[in-house]
């Protein structure tokens, strides 16, 4: 168990942990047993641990890695990568084929229906890269960028699928993240995106289309666009208190699920919930998905829609400025996806974003989940506030016991 923990990445010496265990074996054993019992109760597994550890690792570094940025610059210089974006798909494919001896098989996954949800599959034998024929040009370029990342960064332990389905170790998860970072930095150069964001933040008015245009400039998916923003905002703009969250909406099931999230500087209020509770429908992340679905039901094709919202959390002083982009999933068009980047409102943010007080930005009072929300007149409520009611019953019991104790 201890060997599998990536202690060195967090500056923890294994010998120190062993000393703690040796000093109080019964207590430490009970503590570990408690953690294991909690993990069973909440259906946590190795995958949950690996991805949780990865998020913590990214948070420690503000999701910015100068060594990978430098590797990207060296790669661009060594292979004469042009400064114009988006990059040509054929250029990246040629580098993979001629320099790294890849065999790229167009539509190579089509004969395997059970793998239709994957974008690509890498086979070590012959370095064959099987592609899903339904990929867009951007998705192909991004996959090529990841493969270049694995090779340039010399990442040996890796997943062969485009997304990790069953991680075997933390090293595999970490290397996958590094390859994604390399691809994002390759397709969205650092200096260029810094300039674009600086101009956008200085606008006196919120301009949703202008925000989308930055991503379109690089022909980037919302996920890659937001990934790059989380790389640069803390260090280059001083915006460190931020979160990223991605929702999957399956209209046939009527459920919203979080499948990715990242919190920098602190654990922010909007977060995933593994207890099958109903996320607040006032969040722009969920309401925009519902709006997208309504447009689809009306027969209107919309590639992407964007909205800004200032979200104040009920009963607290915490307020976030959120930018959300919603789109149809690809290559699984039966689902919709939203990605949200949220910034905690503080003095630093007010100095950085000129349009923060723009009246065009929607203001909403929100909460975490319906089950934990005490707002009584919420028209968007999707489930009764059972957690709040349980807490109130417990409080009532405690008050009655305290009263009886004073009387008798």
Foldseek 3Di string as FASTA:
>chain_A
DLVQDPQVLVVHDPVVVVVVCVVPVVVVVVVVVVVVVVCVVLVHDPVNVLVVVVLVSCQVVLVADVVLLVLLVVVCVVLVFDPAADGALVSLVCCCCPVVVEAEAACQCVVPVVCLVFQWFFDPVRRYIYGHNQDDRQSSLLQSQLVVQCVSVVQDQEHRTLDDDDDPGSSHVNSSSRSNVRSLCNLQPDVNLLVLVQVQLPDLANDFVSVVVSCVSSPHDPVSVVSVCSHCCCPPQVQFFKKKWKWKAQVVVRAIATDDMHGHPDDDFADGDSPPFHFKCVPCQNVVQVVCVVCVVVVHDDAKDKAWEWEAEPPDRWIKIKIKMKGADPPPRSMIMMMMMIGTDDPSSPVRGNNPVPPRHHYDYIHGGQLCDPDDPDPRHPDHVVVVVVVVVVVVVVVVVVVVVVVD
